[in-house]
PDB file of N, CA and C in Angstrom:
ATOM      1  N   MET A   1      -4.485 106.278  -9.413  1.00  0.00           N
ATOM      2  CA  MET A   1      -5.034 106.244 -11.105  1.00  0.00           C
ATOM      3  C   MET A   1      -4.628 105.653 -12.432  1.00  0.00           C
ATOM      4  N   PRO A   2      -5.487 104.985 -12.449  1.00  0.00           N
ATOM      5  CA  PRO A   2      -5.700 103.897 -13.902  1.00  0.00           C
ATOM      6  C   PRO A   2      -5.021 104.531 -15.155  1.00  0.00           C
ATOM      7  N   ALA A   3      -3.641 103.977 -15.372  1.00  0.00           N
ATOM      8  CA  ALA A   3      -3.489 104.749 -16.751  1.00  0.00           C
ATOM      9  C   ALA A   3      -4.098 104.677 -18.360  1.00  0.00           C
ATOM     10  N   PRO A   4      -3.836 105.993 -18.768  1.00  0.00           N
ATOM     11  CA  PRO A   4      -5.351 105.663 -19.826  1.00  0.00           C
ATOM     12  C   PRO A   4      -5.086 104.634 -21.165  1.00  0.00           C
ATOM     13  N   PRO A   5      -6.171 104.391 -21.741  1.00  0.00           N
ATOM     14  CA  PRO A   5      -6.713 103.222 -22.406  1.00  0.00           C
ATOM     15  C   PRO A   5      -5.174 103.797 -24.052  1.00  0.00           C
ATOM     16  N   ALA A   6      -4.605 102.534 -24.440  1.00  0.00           N
ATOM     17  CA  ALA A   6      -3.196 103.270 -25.519  1.00  0.00           C
ATOM     18  C   ALA A   6      -4.244 104.130 -26.308  1.00  0.00           C
ATOM     19  N   GLY A   7      -3.566 104.452 -27.165  1.00  0.00           N
ATOM     20  CA  GLY A   7      -4.722 104.990 -28.724  1.00  0.00           C
ATOM     21  C   GLY A   7      -3.955 104.059 -29.514  1.00  0.00           C
ATOM     22  N   PRO A   8      -4.353 104.561 -30.609  1.00  0.00           N
ATOM     23  CA  PRO A   8      -3.968 103.782 -32.162  1.00  0.00           C
ATOM     24  C   PRO A   8      -2.739 103.860 -32.588  1.00  0.00           C
ATOM     25  N   THR A   9      -2.358 102.056 -33.622  1.00  0.00           N
ATOM     26  CA  THR A   9      -1.172 102.575 -33.919  1.00  0.00           C
ATOM     27  C   THR A   9      -1.346 103.235 -35.558  1.00  0.00           C
ATOM     28  N   LEU A  10      -0.189 102.887 -36.406  1.00  0.00           N
ATOM     29  CA  LEU A  10      -0.587 103.023 -37.355  1.00  0.00           C
ATOM     30  C   LEU A  10      -0.628 101.196 -38.082  1.00  0.00           C
ATOM     31  N   ALA A  11      -0.725 100.032 -37.047  1.00  0.00           N
ATOM     32  CA  ALA A  11      -1.886  98.954 -37.798  1.00  0.00           C
ATOM     33  C   ALA A  11      -3.128  98.986 -37.621  1.00  0.00           C
ATOM     34  N   ASP A  12      -3.186  99.930 -36.691  1.00  0.00           N
ATOM     35  CA  ASP A  12      -4.985 100.608 -37.070  1.00  0.00           C
ATOM     36  C   ASP A  12      -5.708 100.414 -37.789  1.00  0.00           C
ATOM     37  N   PHE A  13      -5.243 101.532 -39.016  1.00  0.00           N
ATOM     38  CA  PHE A  13      -5.592 102.631 -39.735  1.00  0.00           C
ATOM     39  C   PHE A  13      -4.744 101.379 -41.102  1.00  0.00           C
ATOM     40  N   ALA A  14      -4.517 100.159 -41.184  1.00  0.00           N
ATOM     41  CA  ALA A  14      -3.342  99.525 -42.291  1.00  0.00           C
ATOM     42  C   ALA A  14      -4.647  98.569 -42.898  1.00  0.00           C
ATOM     43  N   GLY A  15      -5.014  99.109 -44.373  1.00  0.00           N
ATOM     44  CA  GLY A  15      -5.902  98.513 -45.548  1.00  0.00           C
ATOM     45  C   GLY A  15      -5.710  99.284 -46.108  1.00  0.00           C
ATOM     46  N   THR A  16      -6.693  99.437 -46.994  1.00  0.00           N
ATOM     47  CA  THR A  16      -6.960 100.105 -48.634  1.00  0.00           C
ATOM     48  C   THR A  16      -8.604 100.386 -48.125  1.00  0.00           C
ATOM     49  N   TRP A  17      -8.391 102.201 -48.240  1.00  0.00           N
ATOM     50  CA  TRP A  17      -9.255 102.626 -47.545  1.00  0.00           C
ATOM     51  C   TRP A  17      -9.939 103.687 -48.716  1.00  0.00           C
ATOM     52  N   ASP A  18     -11.736 103.701 -49.173  1.00  0.00           N
ATOM     53  CA  ASP A  18     -11.972 104.155 -50.327  1.00  0.00           C
ATOM     54  C   ASP A  18     -12.308 105.572 -49.630  1.00  0.00           C
ATOM     55  N   ASN A  19     -12.225 106.739 -50.289  1.00  0.00           N
ATOM     56  CA  ASN A  19     -12.371 108.171 -49.353  1.00  0.00           C
ATOM     57  C   ASN A  19     -12.902 108.685 -50.764  1.00  0.00           C
ATOM     58  N   THR A  20     -14.047 109.569 -49.862  1.00  0.00           N
ATOM     59  CA  THR A  20     -14.053 110.904 -50.595  1.00  0.00           C
ATOM     60  C   THR A  20     -14.027 112.067 -49.769  1.00  0.00           C
ATOM     61  N   SER A  21     -13.302 113.002 -50.505  1.00  0.00           N
ATOM     62  CA  SER A  21     -12.579 114.544 -49.884  1.00  0.00           C
ATOM     63  C   SER A  21     -14.005 115.521 -50.616  1.00  0.00           C
ATOM     64  N   THR A  22     -14.157 116.576 -49.895  1.00  0.00           N
ATOM     65  CA  THR A  22     -15.106 117.331 -50.429  1.00  0.00           C
ATOM     66  C   THR A  22     -13.571 118.934 -49.326  1.00  0.00           C
ATOM     67  N   LEU A  23     -13.866 119.702 -50.666  1.00  0.00           N
ATOM     68  CA  LEU A  23     -13.399 120.587 -50.767  1.00  0.00           C
ATOM     69  C   LEU A  23     -13.924 122.168 -50.702  1.00  0.00           C
ATOM     70  N   THR A  24     -13.313 122.531 -49.856  1.00  0.00           N
ATOM     71  CA  THR A  24     -13.924 124.246 -50.247  1.00  0.00           C
ATOM     72  C   THR A  24     -14.344 124.824 -51.564  1.00  0.00           C
ATOM     73  N   GLY A  25     -15.305 125.359 -51.836  1.00  0.00           N
ATOM     74  CA  GLY A  25     -15.300 125.810 -52.971  1.00  0.00           C
ATOM     75  C   GLY A  25     -15.726 124.855 -54.425  1.00  0.00           C
ATOM     76  N   VAL A  26     -15.385 123.889 -54.073  1.00  0.00           N
ATOM     77  CA  VAL A  26     -15.642 122.325 -54.816  1.00  0.00           C
ATOM     78  C   VAL A  26     -16.596 121.909 -55.307  1.00  0.00           C
ATOM     79  N   ALA A  27     -17.297 122.216 -55.735  1.00  0.00           N
ATOM     80  CA  ALA A  27     -19.007 121.701 -56.414  1.00  0.00           C
ATOM     81  C   ALA A  27     -18.798 119.668 -55.552  1.00  0.00           C
ATOM     82  N   ASP A  28     -18.197 119.440 -56.290  1.00  0.00           N
ATOM     83  CA  ASP A  28     -17.869 117.866 -56.830  1.00  0.00           C
ATOM     84  C   ASP A  28     -17.442 117.260 -55.697  1.00  0.00           C
ATOM     85  N   PRO A  29     -17.681 116.431 -54.388  1.00  0.00           N
ATOM     86  CA  PRO A  29     -16.455 115.672 -54.232  1.00  0.00           C
ATOM     87  C   PRO A  29     -15.493 114.599 -55.258  1.00  0.00           C
ATOM     88  N   LEU A  30     -13.919 114.806 -54.172  1.00  0.00           N
ATOM     89  CA  LEU A  30     -12.843 114.055 -54.986  1.00  0.00           C
ATOM     90  C   LEU A  30     -13.332 112.139 -54.405  1.00  0.00           C
ATOM     91  N   LYS A  31     -13.082 111.821 -55.553  1.00  0.00           N
ATOM     92  CA  LYS A  31     -12.364 109.433 -54.345  1.00  0.00           C
ATOM     93  C   LYS A  31     -11.018 109.730 -54.789  1.00  0.00           C
ATOM     94  N   SER A  32     -10.597 109.377 -53.989  1.00  0.00           N
ATOM     95  CA  SER A  32      -9.142 108.519 -53.902  1.00  0.00           C
ATOM     96  C   SER A  32      -9.733 107.748 -52.829  1.00  0.00           C
ATOM     97  N   THR A  33      -8.081 106.970 -53.159  1.00  0.00           N
ATOM     98  CA  THR A  33      -7.935 105.011 -52.534  1.00  0.00           C
ATOM     99  C   THR A  33      -6.682 105.573 -51.500  1.00  0.00           C
ATOM    100  N   MET A  34      -6.303 105.466 -49.972  1.00  0.00           N
ATOM    101  CA  MET A  34      -5.378 104.983 -49.415  1.00  0.00           C
ATOM    102  C   MET A  34      -4.747 104.235 -49.119  1.00  0.00           C
ATOM    103  N   THR A  35      -3.889 103.470 -49.274  1.00  0.00           N
ATOM    104  CA  THR A  35      -3.284 102.273 -49.305  1.00  0.00           C
ATOM    105  C   THR A  35      -3.047 102.424 -48.406  1.00  0.00           C
ATOM    106  N   LEU A  36      -2.351 101.657 -46.341  1.00  0.00           N
ATOM    107  CA  LEU A  36      -1.725 102.199 -46.103  1.00  0.00           C
ATOM    108  C   LEU A  36      -0.958 101.240 -45.313  1.00  0.00           C
ATOM    109  N   THR A  37       0.044 100.995 -44.810  1.00  0.00           N
ATOM    110  CA  THR A  37       0.722  99.373 -44.416  1.00  0.00           C
ATOM    111  C   THR A  37       1.065 100.105 -42.754  1.00  0.00           C
ATOM    112  N   ALA A  38       0.962  97.949 -42.316  1.00  0.00           N
ATOM    113  CA  ALA A  38       0.746  98.366 -40.293  1.00  0.00           C
ATOM    114  C   ALA A  38       1.864  99.640 -40.582  1.00  0.00           C
ATOM    115  N   ASP A  39       3.327  99.930 -40.741  1.00  0.00           N
ATOM    116  CA  ASP A  39       4.065 100.173 -40.306  1.00  0.00           C
ATOM    117  C   ASP A  39       4.999 101.601 -40.867  1.00  0.00           C
ATOM    118  N   GLY A  40       3.463 101.760 -41.946  1.00  0.00           N
ATOM    119  CA  GLY A  40       3.448 103.184 -42.547  1.00  0.00           C
ATOM    120  C   GLY A  40       4.497 103.309 -43.330  1.00  0.00           C
ATOM    121  N   VAL A  41       5.675 102.501 -44.346  1.00  0.00           N
ATOM    122  CA  VAL A  41       6.587 102.400 -44.921  1.00  0.00           C
ATOM    123  C   VAL A  41       5.604 102.365 -46.244  1.00  0.00           C
ATOM    124  N   GLY A  42       5.810 102.222 -47.203  1.00  0.00           N
ATOM    125  CA  GLY A  42       5.163 102.469 -48.682  1.00  0.00           C
ATOM    126  C   GLY A  42       3.616 103.019 -49.197  1.00  0.00           C
ATOM    127  N   SER A  43       2.848 103.089 -47.802  1.00  0.00           N
ATOM    128  CA  SER A  43       1.240 104.183 -47.862  1.00  0.00           C
ATOM    129  C   SER A  43       1.178 105.067 -49.509  1.00  0.00           C
ATOM    130  N   THR A  44       0.227 104.677 -49.987  1.00  0.00           N
ATOM    131  CA  THR A  44      -0.194 105.551 -50.910  1.00  0.00           C
ATOM    132  C   THR A  44      -1.699 106.194 -51.500  1.00  0.00           C
ATOM    133  N   LEU A  45      -1.443 106.985 -52.318  1.00  0.00           N
ATOM    134  CA  LEU A  45      -2.930 107.639 -52.308  1.00  0.00           C
ATOM    135  C   LEU A  45      -2.770 107.371 -53.955  1.00  0.00           C
ATOM    136  N   THR A  46      -4.235 106.922 -54.378  1.00  0.00           N
ATOM    137  CA  THR A  46      -3.937 105.960 -55.710  1.00  0.00           C
ATOM    138  C   THR A  46      -5.381 107.480 -56.230  1.00  0.00           C
ATOM    139  N   LEU A  47      -5.404 108.730 -57.379  1.00  0.00           N
ATOM    140  CA  LEU A  47      -6.952 109.163 -57.650  1.00  0.00           C
ATOM    141  C   LEU A  47      -6.938 108.218 -58.989  1.00  0.00           C
ATOM    142  N   GLU A  48      -8.068 108.287 -59.670  1.00  0.00           N
ATOM    143  CA  GLU A  48      -8.488 107.362 -60.249  1.00  0.00           C
ATOM    144  C   GLU A  48      -7.393 107.556 -62.186  1.00  0.00           C
ATOM    145  N   GLY A  49      -7.198 106.750 -62.728  1.00  0.00           N
ATOM    146  CA  GLY A  49      -5.780 107.118 -63.698  1.00  0.00           C
ATOM    147  C   GLY A  49      -4.418 107.922 -63.351  1.00  0.00           C
ATOM    148  N   ARG A  50      -4.356 107.769 -62.303  1.00  0.00           N
ATOM    149  CA  ARG A  50      -3.133 107.891 -61.783  1.00  0.00           C
ATOM    150  C   ARG A  50      -2.153 107.294 -61.245  1.00  0.00           C
ATOM    151  N   ASP A  51      -0.812 107.183 -61.470  1.00  0.00           N
ATOM    152  CA  ASP A  51      -0.513 105.862 -60.689  1.00  0.00           C
ATOM    153  C   ASP A  51      -0.192 106.646 -59.306  1.00  0.00           C
ATOM    154  N   PRO A  52       0.149 105.967 -58.113  1.00  0.00           N
ATOM    155  CA  PRO A  52       0.282 106.059 -56.973  1.00  0.00           C
ATOM    156  C   PRO A  52       1.280 107.052 -56.917  1.00  0.00           C
ATOM    157  N   ILE A  53       0.895 107.545 -55.615  1.00  0.00           N
ATOM    158  CA  ILE A  53       1.401 109.274 -54.749  1.00  0.00           C
ATOM    159  C   ILE A  53       1.895 109.293 -53.695  1.00  0.00           C
ATOM    160  N   ALA A  54       2.623 108.390 -52.566  1.00  0.00           N
ATOM    161  CA  ALA A  54       3.737 108.655 -51.274  1.00  0.00           C
ATOM    162  C   ALA A  54       3.002 109.548 -50.615  1.00  0.00           C
ATOM    163  N   LEU A  55       2.600 109.012 -49.526  1.00  0.00           N
ATOM    164  CA  LEU A  55       2.105 108.939 -47.850  1.00  0.00           C
ATOM    165  C   LEU A  55       3.423 109.050 -47.570  1.00  0.00           C
ATOM    166  N   GLN A  56       3.962 110.050 -46.763  1.00  0.00           N
ATOM    167  CA  GLN A  56       4.291 109.834 -45.178  1.00  0.00           C
ATOM    168  C   GLN A  56       2.693 109.416 -44.389  1.00  0.00           C
ATOM    169  N   VAL A  57       3.010 108.803 -42.783  1.00  0.00           N
ATOM    170  CA  VAL A  57       1.519 109.043 -42.088  1.00  0.00           C
ATOM    171  C   VAL A  57       2.440 107.778 -41.474  1.00  0.00           C
ATOM    172  N   SER A  58       1.709 108.947 -40.081  1.00  0.00           N
ATOM    173  CA  SER A  58       2.033 108.635 -38.673  1.00  0.00           C
ATOM    174  C   SER A  58       1.031 109.169 -38.069  1.00  0.00           C
ATOM    175  N   VAL A  59       0.711 108.821 -36.397  1.00  0.00           N
ATOM    176  CA  VAL A  59      -0.360 108.578 -35.450  1.00  0.00           C
ATOM    177  C   VAL A  59       0.456 109.840 -35.051  1.00  0.00           C
ATOM    178  N   VAL A  60      -0.668 110.521 -34.850  1.00  0.00           N
ATOM    179  CA  VAL A  60      -0.182 111.806 -33.390  1.00  0.00           C
ATOM    180  C   VAL A  60      -2.177 111.667 -32.758  1.00  0.00           C
ATOM    181  N   GLY A  61      -2.065 111.229 -31.119  1.00  0.00           N
ATOM    182  CA  GLY A  61      -3.126 111.403 -30.203  1.00  0.00           C
ATOM    183  C   GLY A  61      -3.299 110.012 -31.497  1.00  0.00           C
ATOM    184  N   ASP A  62      -5.172 110.384 -31.083  1.00  0.00           N
ATOM    185  CA  ASP A  62      -6.179 109.277 -32.014  1.00  0.00           C
ATOM    186  C   ASP A  62      -6.025 109.431 -33.640  1.00  0.00           C
ATOM    187  N   SER A  63      -5.458 110.146 -33.497  1.00  0.00           N
ATOM    188  CA  SER A  63      -5.560 110.818 -35.821  1.00  0.00           C
ATOM    189  C   SER A  63      -4.382 110.304 -36.036  1.00  0.00           C
ATOM    190  N   LEU A  64      -4.953 109.656 -37.539  1.00  0.00           N
ATOM    191  CA  LEU A  64      -3.846 109.302 -37.792  1.00  0.00           C
ATOM    192  C   LEU A  64      -3.526 111.133 -39.450  1.00  0.00           C
ATOM    193  N   ILE A  65      -2.247 110.982 -38.898  1.00  0.00           N
ATOM    194  CA  ILE A  65      -2.086 112.246 -40.303  1.00  0.00           C
ATOM    195  C   ILE A  65      -1.168 111.550 -42.003  1.00  0.00           C
ATOM    196  N   SER A  66      -1.744 112.069 -42.476  1.00  0.00           N
ATOM    197  CA  SER A  66      -0.985 111.905 -44.117  1.00  0.00           C
ATOM    198  C   SER A  66      -0.612 113.377 -44.159  1.00  0.00           C
ATOM    199  N   GLN A  67       1.029 113.461 -45.312  1.00  0.00           N
ATOM    200  CA  GLN A  67       1.339 113.763 -45.443  1.00  0.00           C
ATOM    201  C   GLN A  67       1.489 113.373 -47.136  1.00  0.00           C
ATOM    202  N   SER A  68       1.175 114.076 -48.530  1.00  0.00           N
ATOM    203  CA  SER A  68       1.472 113.600 -49.667  1.00  0.00           C
ATOM    204  C   SER A  68       2.879 114.259 -50.571  1.00  0.00           C
ATOM    205  N   ALA A  69       3.222 113.163 -51.179  1.00  0.00           N
ATOM    206  CA  ALA A  69       4.585 113.806 -52.116  1.00  0.00           C
ATOM    207  C   ALA A  69       4.032 114.944 -53.099  1.00  0.00           C
ATOM    208  N   GLU A  70       4.333 116.109 -53.863  1.00  0.00           N
ATOM    209  CA  GLU A  70       3.660 116.471 -54.514  1.00  0.00           C
ATOM    210  C   GLU A  70       2.945 115.388 -55.785  1.00  0.00           C
ATOM    211  N   TYR A  71       2.429 116.103 -56.117  1.00  0.00           N
ATOM    212  CA  TYR A  71       1.721 115.634 -58.442  1.00  0.00           C
ATOM    213  C   TYR A  71       0.955 116.777 -58.670  1.00  0.00           C
ATOM    214  N   GLU A  72       0.761 116.172 -59.878  1.00  0.00           N
ATOM    215  CA  GLU A  72       0.085 117.322 -60.610  1.00  0.00           C
ATOM    216  C   GLU A  72      -1.809 117.081 -60.440  1.00  0.00           C
ATOM    217  N   SER A  73      -2.189 118.636 -59.630  1.00  0.00           N
ATOM    218  CA  SER A  73      -3.494 118.473 -59.129  1.00  0.00           C
ATOM    219  C   SER A  73      -4.496 118.156 -60.168  1.00  0.00           C
ATOM    220  N   ILE A  74      -5.713 117.659 -60.149  1.00  0.00           N
ATOM    221  CA  ILE A  74      -6.571 117.037 -61.046  1.00  0.00           C
ATOM    222  C   ILE A  74      -7.627 118.180 -60.713  1.00  0.00           C
ATOM    223  N   LEU A  75      -7.598 119.233 -59.680  1.00  0.00           N
ATOM    224  CA  LEU A  75      -8.510 120.616 -60.427  1.00  0.00           C
ATOM    225  C   LEU A  75      -7.939 121.536 -61.236  1.00  0.00           C
ATOM    226  N   ARG A  76      -6.576 121.736 -61.276  1.00  0.00           N
ATOM    227  CA  ARG A  76      -6.449 122.373 -61.549  1.00  0.00           C
ATOM    228  C   ARG A  76      -4.685 122.233 -62.615  1.00  0.00           C
ATOM    229  N   SER A  77      -4.795 121.775 -63.749  1.00  0.00           N
ATOM    230  CA  SER A  77      -4.295 121.906 -64.857  1.00  0.00           C
ATOM    231  C   SER A  77      -3.216 122.438 -65.095  1.00  0.00           C
ATOM    232  N   GLY A  78      -1.775 121.400 -64.436  1.00  0.00           N
ATOM    233  CA  GLY A  78      -0.733 121.838 -64.648  1.00  0.00           C
ATOM    234  C   GLY A  78      -0.557 122.838 -63.803  1.00  0.00           C
ATOM    235  N   VAL A  79      -0.767 122.403 -62.284  1.00  0.00           N
ATOM    236  CA  VAL A  79      -0.926 123.034 -61.129  1.00  0.00           C
ATOM    237  C   VAL A  79      -0.322 121.598 -60.163  1.00  0.00           C
ATOM    238  N   MET A  80       0.780 122.235 -59.636  1.00  0.00           N
ATOM    239  CA  MET A  80       1.437 121.177 -58.575  1.00  0.00           C
ATOM    240  C   MET A  80       0.290 121.238 -57.259  1.00  0.00           C
ATOM    241  N   VAL A  81       0.186 120.328 -56.178  1.00  0.00           N
ATOM    242  CA  VAL A  81       0.043 120.311 -55.123  1.00  0.00           C
ATOM    243  C   VAL A  81       0.000 119.264 -54.069  1.00  0.00           C
ATOM    244  N   SER A  82      -0.157 119.327 -52.647  1.00  0.00           N
ATOM    245  CA  SER A  82      -0.086 118.296 -52.109  1.00  0.00           C
ATOM    246  C   SER A  82      -1.026 117.928 -51.168  1.00  0.00           C
ATOM    247  N   THR A  83      -1.306 117.009 -50.016  1.00  0.00           N
ATOM    248  CA  THR A  83      -2.390 117.409 -49.278  1.00  0.00           C
ATOM    249  C   THR A  83      -1.704 116.671 -47.682  1.00  0.00           C
ATOM    250  N   ARG A  84      -1.991 117.283 -47.087  1.00  0.00           N
ATOM    251  CA  ARG A  84      -2.901 117.056 -45.952  1.00  0.00           C
ATOM    252  C   ARG A  84      -4.165 116.684 -45.343  1.00  0.00           C
ATOM    253  N   THR A  85      -3.857 115.452 -44.234  1.00  0.00           N
ATOM    254  CA  THR A  85      -4.773 114.936 -43.630  1.00  0.00           C
ATOM    255  C   THR A  85      -4.728 114.492 -42.519  1.00  0.00           C
ATOM    256  N   ALA A  86      -6.235 114.875 -41.945  1.00  0.00           N
ATOM    257  CA  ALA A  86      -6.266 114.271 -39.915  1.00  0.00           C
ATOM    258  C   ALA A  86      -6.834 113.728 -40.308  1.00  0.00           C
ATOM    259  N   GLY A  87      -7.213 111.890 -39.762  1.00  0.00           N
ATOM    260  CA  GLY A  87      -8.349 112.022 -40.257  1.00  0.00           C
ATOM    261  C   GLY A  87      -8.202 111.380 -38.457  1.00  0.00           C
ATOM    262  N   VAL A  88      -9.782 110.221 -38.380  1.00  0.00           N
ATOM    263  CA  VAL A  88     -10.016 108.952 -36.963  1.00  0.00           C
ATOM    264  C   VAL A  88     -10.732 108.510 -37.271  1.00  0.00           C
ATOM    265  N   LEU A  89     -10.723 107.405 -36.835  1.00  0.00           N
ATOM    266  CA  LEU A  89     -11.777 106.053 -36.724  1.00  0.00           C
ATOM    267  C   LEU A  89     -13.079 106.626 -36.037  1.00  0.00           C
ATOM    268  N   ALA A  90     -13.652 105.671 -36.099  1.00  0.00           N
ATOM    269  CA  ALA A  90     -15.221 106.696 -35.617  1.00  0.00           C
ATOM    270  C   ALA A  90     -15.617 105.189 -36.742  1.00  0.00           C
ATOM    271  N   ASP A  91     -16.211 104.350 -35.381  1.00  0.00           N
ATOM    272  CA  ASP A  91     -17.274 103.827 -36.267  1.00  0.00           C
ATOM    273  C   ASP A  91     -16.852 102.769 -37.278  1.00  0.00           C
ATOM    274  N   GLY A  92     -15.429 102.492 -37.554  1.00  0.00           N
ATOM    275  CA  GLY A  92     -15.057 101.564 -38.777  1.00  0.00           C
ATOM    276  C   GLY A  92     -15.300 102.522 -39.925  1.00  0.00           C
ATOM    277  N   MET A  93     -15.871 104.117 -40.104  1.00  0.00           N
ATOM    278  CA  MET A  93     -14.701 105.459 -40.629  1.00  0.00           C
ATOM    279  C   MET A  93     -13.851 106.301 -40.507  1.00  0.00           C
ATOM    280  N   LEU A  94     -12.627 106.068 -41.263  1.00  0.00           N
ATOM    281  CA  LEU A  94     -12.128 107.455 -40.892  1.00  0.00           C
ATOM    282  C   LEU A  94     -12.772 108.831 -41.326  1.00  0.00           C
ATOM    283  N   THR A  95     -13.252 109.533 -40.583  1.00  0.00           N
ATOM    284  CA  THR A  95     -13.055 110.999 -40.872  1.00  0.00           C
ATOM    285  C   THR A  95     -12.443 111.651 -40.258  1.00  0.00           C
ATOM    286  N   GLY A  96     -11.880 113.232 -41.400  1.00  0.00           N
ATOM    287  CA  GLY A  96     -10.989 113.976 -40.178  1.00  0.00           C
ATOM    288  C   GLY A  96     -11.313 115.427 -41.815  1.00  0.00           C
ATOM    289  N   ASN A  97     -10.090 116.357 -40.945  1.00  0.00           N
ATOM    290  CA  ASN A  97     -10.324 117.316 -42.267  1.00  0.00           C
ATOM    291  C   ASN A  97      -8.664 117.161 -42.878  1.00  0.00           C
ATOM    292  N   MET A  98      -8.404 117.919 -44.190  1.00  0.00           N
ATOM    293  CA  MET A  98      -7.926 117.862 -44.603  1.00  0.00           C
ATOM    294  C   MET A  98      -7.611 119.280 -45.718  1.00  0.00           C
ATOM    295  N   VAL A  99      -6.157 119.688 -46.450  1.00  0.00           N
ATOM    296  CA  VAL A  99      -5.581 120.667 -46.254  1.00  0.00           C
ATOM    297  C   VAL A  99      -4.826 120.586 -47.874  1.00  0.00           C
ATOM    298  N   ALA A 100      -5.299 121.490 -49.050  1.00  0.00           N
ATOM    299  CA  ALA A 100      -4.278 120.909 -49.892  1.00  0.00           C
ATOM    300  C   ALA A 100      -3.643 122.185 -49.993  1.00  0.00           C
ATOM    301  N   THR A 101      -2.845 122.142 -50.597  1.00  0.00           N
ATOM    302  CA  THR A 101      -1.224 123.417 -50.705  1.00  0.00           C
ATOM    303  C   THR A 101      -0.966 123.537 -52.067  1.00  0.00           C
ATOM    304  N   TYR A 102      -1.502 124.608 -53.165  1.00  0.00           N
ATOM    305  CA  TYR A 102      -1.585 124.326 -54.374  1.00  0.00           C
ATOM    306  C   TYR A 102       0.101 125.036 -54.741  1.00  0.00           C
ATOM    307  N   LYS A 103       0.905 124.421 -55.445  1.00  0.00           N
ATOM    308  CA  LYS A 103       2.145 125.525 -56.002  1.00  0.00           C
ATOM    309  C   LYS A 103       1.683 126.600 -56.581  1.00  0.00           C
ATOM    310  N   THR A 104       1.230 127.720 -56.920  1.00  0.00           N
ATOM    311  CA  THR A 104       0.304 128.573 -57.767  1.00  0.00           C
ATOM    312  C   THR A 104       1.797 129.723 -57.668  1.00  0.00           C
ATOM    313  N   PRO A 105       1.164 130.800 -59.355  1.00  0.00           N
ATOM    314  CA  PRO A 105       2.757 131.454 -59.864  1.00  0.00           C
ATOM    315  C   PRO A 105       2.285 132.543 -58.484  1.00  0.00           C
ATOM    316  N   ALA A 106       1.341 132.653 -58.050  1.00  0.00           N
ATOM    317  CA  ALA A 106       1.344 133.666 -57.558  1.00  0.00           C
ATOM    318  C   ALA A 106       1.659 133.026 -55.683  1.00  0.00           C
ATOM    319  N   GLY A 107       2.078 132.299 -55.485  1.00  0.00           N
ATOM    320  CA  GLY A 107       2.322 131.493 -54.407  1.00  0.00           C
ATOM    321  C   GLY A 107       0.946 130.569 -54.165  1.00  0.00           C
ATOM    322  N   GLU A 108       1.907 129.905 -53.242  1.00  0.00           N
ATOM    323  CA  GLU A 108       0.941 128.875 -52.543  1.00  0.00           C
ATOM    324  C   GLU A 108      -0.256 129.271 -51.798  1.00  0.00           C
ATOM    325  N   GLU A 109      -1.335 128.154 -52.271  1.00  0.00           N
ATOM    326  CA  GLU A 109      -2.614 128.719 -52.166  1.00  0.00           C
ATOM    327  C   GLU A 109      -3.322 127.524 -51.186  1.00  0.00           C
ATOM    328  N   LEU A 110      -3.969 127.729 -49.842  1.00  0.00           N
ATOM    329  CA  LEU A 110      -4.490 126.694 -49.156  1.00  0.00           C
ATOM    330  C   LEU A 110      -5.956 126.814 -49.138  1.00  0.00           C
ATOM    331  N   VAL A 111      -6.551 125.629 -49.432  1.00  0.00           N
ATOM    332  CA  VAL A 111      -7.536 125.082 -49.466  1.00  0.00           C
ATOM    333  C   VAL A 111      -8.342 123.878 -48.809  1.00  0.00           C
ATOM    334  N   THR A 112      -8.829 123.972 -47.865  1.00  0.00           N
ATOM    335  CA  THR A 112      -9.111 123.433 -47.072  1.00  0.00           C
ATOM    336  C   THR A 112     -10.361 122.000 -47.360  1.00  0.00           C
ATOM    337  N   GLY A 113     -10.629 121.478 -46.477  1.00  0.00           N
ATOM    338  CA  GLY A 113     -11.468 120.592 -46.639  1.00  0.00           C
ATOM    339  C   GLY A 113     -12.319 119.075 -45.762  1.00  0.00           C
ATOM    340  N   THR A 114     -12.540 118.603 -46.404  1.00  0.00           N
ATOM    341  CA  THR A 114     -12.567 117.454 -45.277  1.00  0.00           C
ATOM    342  C   THR A 114     -12.597 116.308 -45.820  1.00  0.00           C
ATOM    343  N   LEU A 115     -13.055 114.531 -45.346  1.00  0.00           N
ATOM    344  CA  LEU A 115     -11.788 113.696 -45.295  1.00  0.00           C
ATOM    345  C   LEU A 115     -13.286 112.340 -45.288  1.00  0.00           C
ATOM    346  N   MET A 116     -13.734 111.900 -45.346  1.00  0.00           N
ATOM    347  CA  MET A 116     -14.081 110.241 -45.167  1.00  0.00           C
ATOM    348  C   MET A 116     -13.875 109.360 -46.188  1.00  0.00           C
ATOM    349  N   GLY A 117     -13.698 108.054 -45.199  1.00  0.00           N
ATOM    350  CA  GLY A 117     -13.123 107.135 -45.277  1.00  0.00           C
ATOM    351  C   GLY A 117     -13.737 105.572 -45.171  1.00  0.00           C
ATOM    352  N   MET A 118     -13.827 104.280 -46.044  1.00  0.00           N
ATOM    353  CA  MET A 118     -14.366 103.796 -45.402  1.00  0.00           C
ATOM    354  C   MET A 118     -13.222 102.461 -46.253  1.00  0.00           C
ATOM    355  N   ARG A 119     -13.019 101.530 -45.096  1.00  0.00           N
ATOM    356  CA  ARG A 119     -11.915 100.478 -45.361  1.00  0.00           C
ATOM    357  C   ARG A 119     -12.522  99.358 -46.146  1.00  0.00           C
ATOM    358  N   ALA A 120     -11.777  99.308 -47.408  1.00  0.00           N
ATOM    359  CA  ALA A 120     -12.311  98.272 -48.436  1.00  0.00           C
ATOM    360  C   ALA A 120     -12.279  97.135 -47.808  1.00  0.00           C
ATOM    361  N   PRO A 121     -12.885  96.724 -48.717  1.00  0.00           N
ATOM    362  CA  PRO A 121     -13.517  94.953 -48.089  1.00  0.00           C
ATOM    363  C   PRO A 121     -12.494  94.234 -48.182  1.00  0.00           C
ATOM    364  N   MET A 122     -11.682  93.097 -47.292  1.00  0.00           N
ATOM    365  CA  MET A 122     -10.216  92.706 -47.819  1.00  0.00           C
ATOM    366  C   MET A 122     -10.257  91.598 -49.065  1.00  0.00           C
ATOM    367  N   LYS A 123      -9.339  92.027 -50.010  1.00  0.00           N
ATOM    368  CA  LYS A 123      -9.564  90.641 -51.381  1.00  0.00           C
ATOM    369  C   LYS A 123      -9.442  89.186 -50.864  1.00  0.00           C
ATOM    370  N   PRO A 124     -10.108  88.306 -51.295  1.00  0.00           N
ATOM    371  CA  PRO A 124      -9.487  86.582 -50.812  1.00  0.00           C
ATOM    372  C   PRO A 124      -8.265  86.145 -51.413  1.00  0.00           C
TER     373      PRO A 124
END
């Protein structure tokens, strides 16, 4: 039997991605930018008007897994949140699922959602 084809690597996901996230129970989609490096080092998530947030990234099977550092939520003032996404490349787009973990006074609250991203054009 022939060996199965090799799966994607971090280099396949490298670049800048303009993302839209839709969280359960939130009416408006959230926009963000992920900047991914070929080796994963220095990868970041940026929300409008915010400093870049560090991302830990890896590839598991055919999926890019990202885990953000904790940051103040843009939806819940004063509440810290971290996000975890799992996305696959399909027809040049990054699509997948996400979980936002909010640190509330009552404990952790998980909110699920979806992610869709398009690779931004390379700047000359």
